[in-house]
Amino acid sequence: MDKIPRPKPTEEAVAPVLDAAQISALARACSGTSYPALRDLAMVVVLLQTGLLRAELSALNWGDLDLREGLLTVRHGKGGKFRQAPLNPHSHQALLRLNRAALGRARG
């Protein structure tokens, strides 16, 4: 191993992070009481709070949410891993509103 050159350290790119003003603007863009607005807000809040990947979010089903316990189950996460993510009060509330809207749509 002594004769194998070591890899040179490189600077890793840091992913940009949204600041408070950008997060507020994103939430305002999703404001409203229509089903699409509630869905969009729930997606934004869950993505920001849990750190889910877009593909993980899009693969979720209602059965993956435990709204009573406030847990979200990712069945096929990065690397095919299973995990659970606790929901903070904002995410939990957004998903409860979306669930009520979805039930209303199914009835009407």
Protein backbone atom coordinates (compact mmCIF):
# COMPACT_ATOMS: atom_id res chain seq x y z
CA MET A 1 0.00 0.00 0.00
CA ASP A 2 2.95 2.34 0.50
CA LYS A 3 3.45 2.63 -3.26
CA ILE A 4 -0.15 3.57 -4.01
CA PRO A 5 -0.60 7.34 -4.08
CA ARG A 6 -3.19 8.76 -1.73
CA PRO A 7 -6.06 10.67 -3.28
CA LYS A 8 -5.76 14.41 -2.98
CA PRO A 9 -8.41 16.07 -0.85
CA THR A 10 -10.86 18.16 -2.81
CA GLU A 11 -13.21 20.87 -1.74
CA GLU A 12 -16.73 19.58 -1.71
CA ALA A 13 -19.47 21.82 -2.98
CA VAL A 14 -21.82 22.95 -0.26
CA ALA A 15 -25.48 22.70 -1.14
CA PRO A 16 -27.21 26.08 -0.96
CA VAL A 17 -29.65 26.48 1.93
CA LEU A 18 -32.80 28.58 1.81
CA ASP A 19 -32.86 31.55 4.14
CA ALA A 20 -35.92 32.58 6.18
CA ALA A 21 -37.11 35.08 3.56
CA GLN A 22 -36.96 32.46 0.81
CA ILE A 23 -38.84 29.94 2.94
CA SER A 24 -41.54 32.55 3.69
CA ALA A 25 -41.84 33.39 -0.01
CA LEU A 26 -42.17 29.70 -0.85
CA ALA A 27 -44.91 29.25 1.76
CA ARG A 28 -46.77 32.34 0.48
CA ALA A 29 -46.64 30.94 -3.06
CA CYS A 30 -48.51 27.88 -1.75
CA SER A 31 -51.16 29.82 0.17
CA GLY A 32 -54.83 29.10 -0.31
CA THR A 33 -57.52 26.65 0.67
CA SER A 34 -57.82 24.72 -2.58
CA TYR A 35 -56.63 21.13 -2.69
CA PRO A 36 -53.64 21.95 -4.95
CA ALA A 37 -52.54 24.79 -2.64
CA LEU A 38 -52.82 22.59 0.46
CA ARG A 39 -50.96 19.78 -1.33
CA ASP A 40 -48.15 22.09 -2.43
CA LEU A 41 -47.75 23.59 1.03
CA ALA A 42 -47.71 20.15 2.66
CA MET A 43 -45.03 18.99 0.22
CA VAL A 44 -42.85 22.05 0.83
CA VAL A 45 -43.17 21.85 4.61
CA VAL A 46 -42.47 18.10 4.70
CA LEU A 47 -39.46 18.43 2.40
CA LEU A 48 -37.98 21.26 4.45
CA GLN A 49 -38.63 19.63 7.82
CA THR A 50 -37.73 15.99 7.14
CA GLY A 51 -34.98 16.30 4.56
CA LEU A 52 -36.71 13.78 2.30
CA LEU A 53 -35.54 13.56 -1.27
CA ARG A 54 -38.00 14.50 -4.01
CA ALA A 55 -38.20 10.88 -5.16
CA GLU A 56 -38.93 9.73 -1.59
CA LEU A 57 -41.73 12.26 -1.26
CA SER A 58 -43.28 11.35 -4.60
CA ALA A 59 -43.26 7.65 -3.66
CA LEU A 60 -45.29 8.23 -0.48
CA ASN A 61 -48.84 6.97 -0.10
CA TRP A 62 -51.42 7.95 2.51
CA GLY A 63 -50.69 4.61 4.19
CA ASP A 64 -47.14 5.79 4.82
CA LEU A 65 -48.42 8.52 7.15
CA ASP A 66 -49.33 7.88 10.75
CA LEU A 67 -51.15 11.11 11.53
CA ARG A 68 -52.06 9.95 15.03
CA GLU A 69 -48.40 9.41 16.01
CA GLY A 70 -46.98 12.08 13.69
CA LEU A 71 -44.69 9.70 11.80
CA LEU A 72 -43.91 9.40 8.13
CA THR A 73 -42.59 6.06 6.81
CA VAL A 74 -40.18 6.06 3.88
CA ARG A 75 -40.31 2.54 2.47
CA HIS A 76 -37.79 2.99 -0.31
CA GLY A 77 -35.33 5.66 0.73
CA LYS A 78 -31.91 6.36 -0.66
CA GLY A 79 -30.14 3.05 -1.13
CA GLY A 80 -33.46 1.21 -0.77
CA LYS A 81 -33.49 1.84 2.97
CA PHE A 82 -36.56 1.90 5.19
CA ARG A 83 -36.85 4.67 7.77
CA GLN A 84 -39.32 6.69 9.75
CA ALA A 85 -39.28 10.44 10.13
CA PRO A 86 -41.08 12.26 12.94
CA LEU A 87 -43.19 15.19 11.83
CA ASN A 88 -42.88 18.54 13.54
CA PRO A 89 -46.10 20.42 14.38
CA HIS A 90 -46.04 22.44 11.10
CA SER A 91 -45.69 19.34 8.92
CA HIS A 92 -48.24 17.43 10.96
CA GLN A 93 -50.78 20.27 10.70
CA ALA A 94 -50.21 20.69 6.94
CA LEU A 95 -50.76 16.97 6.38
CA LEU A 96 -53.90 16.93 8.54
CA ARG A 97 -55.34 19.80 6.46
CA LEU A 98 -54.43 18.01 3.24
CA ASN A 99 -56.00 14.78 4.51
CA ARG A 100 -59.26 16.60 5.35
CA ALA A 101 -59.28 18.19 1.88
CA ALA A 102 -58.62 14.82 0.24
CA LEU A 103 -61.50 13.23 2.17
CA GLY A 104 -63.75 16.12 1.12
CA ARG A 105 -62.81 15.61 -2.52
CA ALA A 106 -63.54 11.88 -2.30
CA ARG A 107 -67.03 12.56 -0.90
CA GLY A 108 -67.90 15.37 -3.27
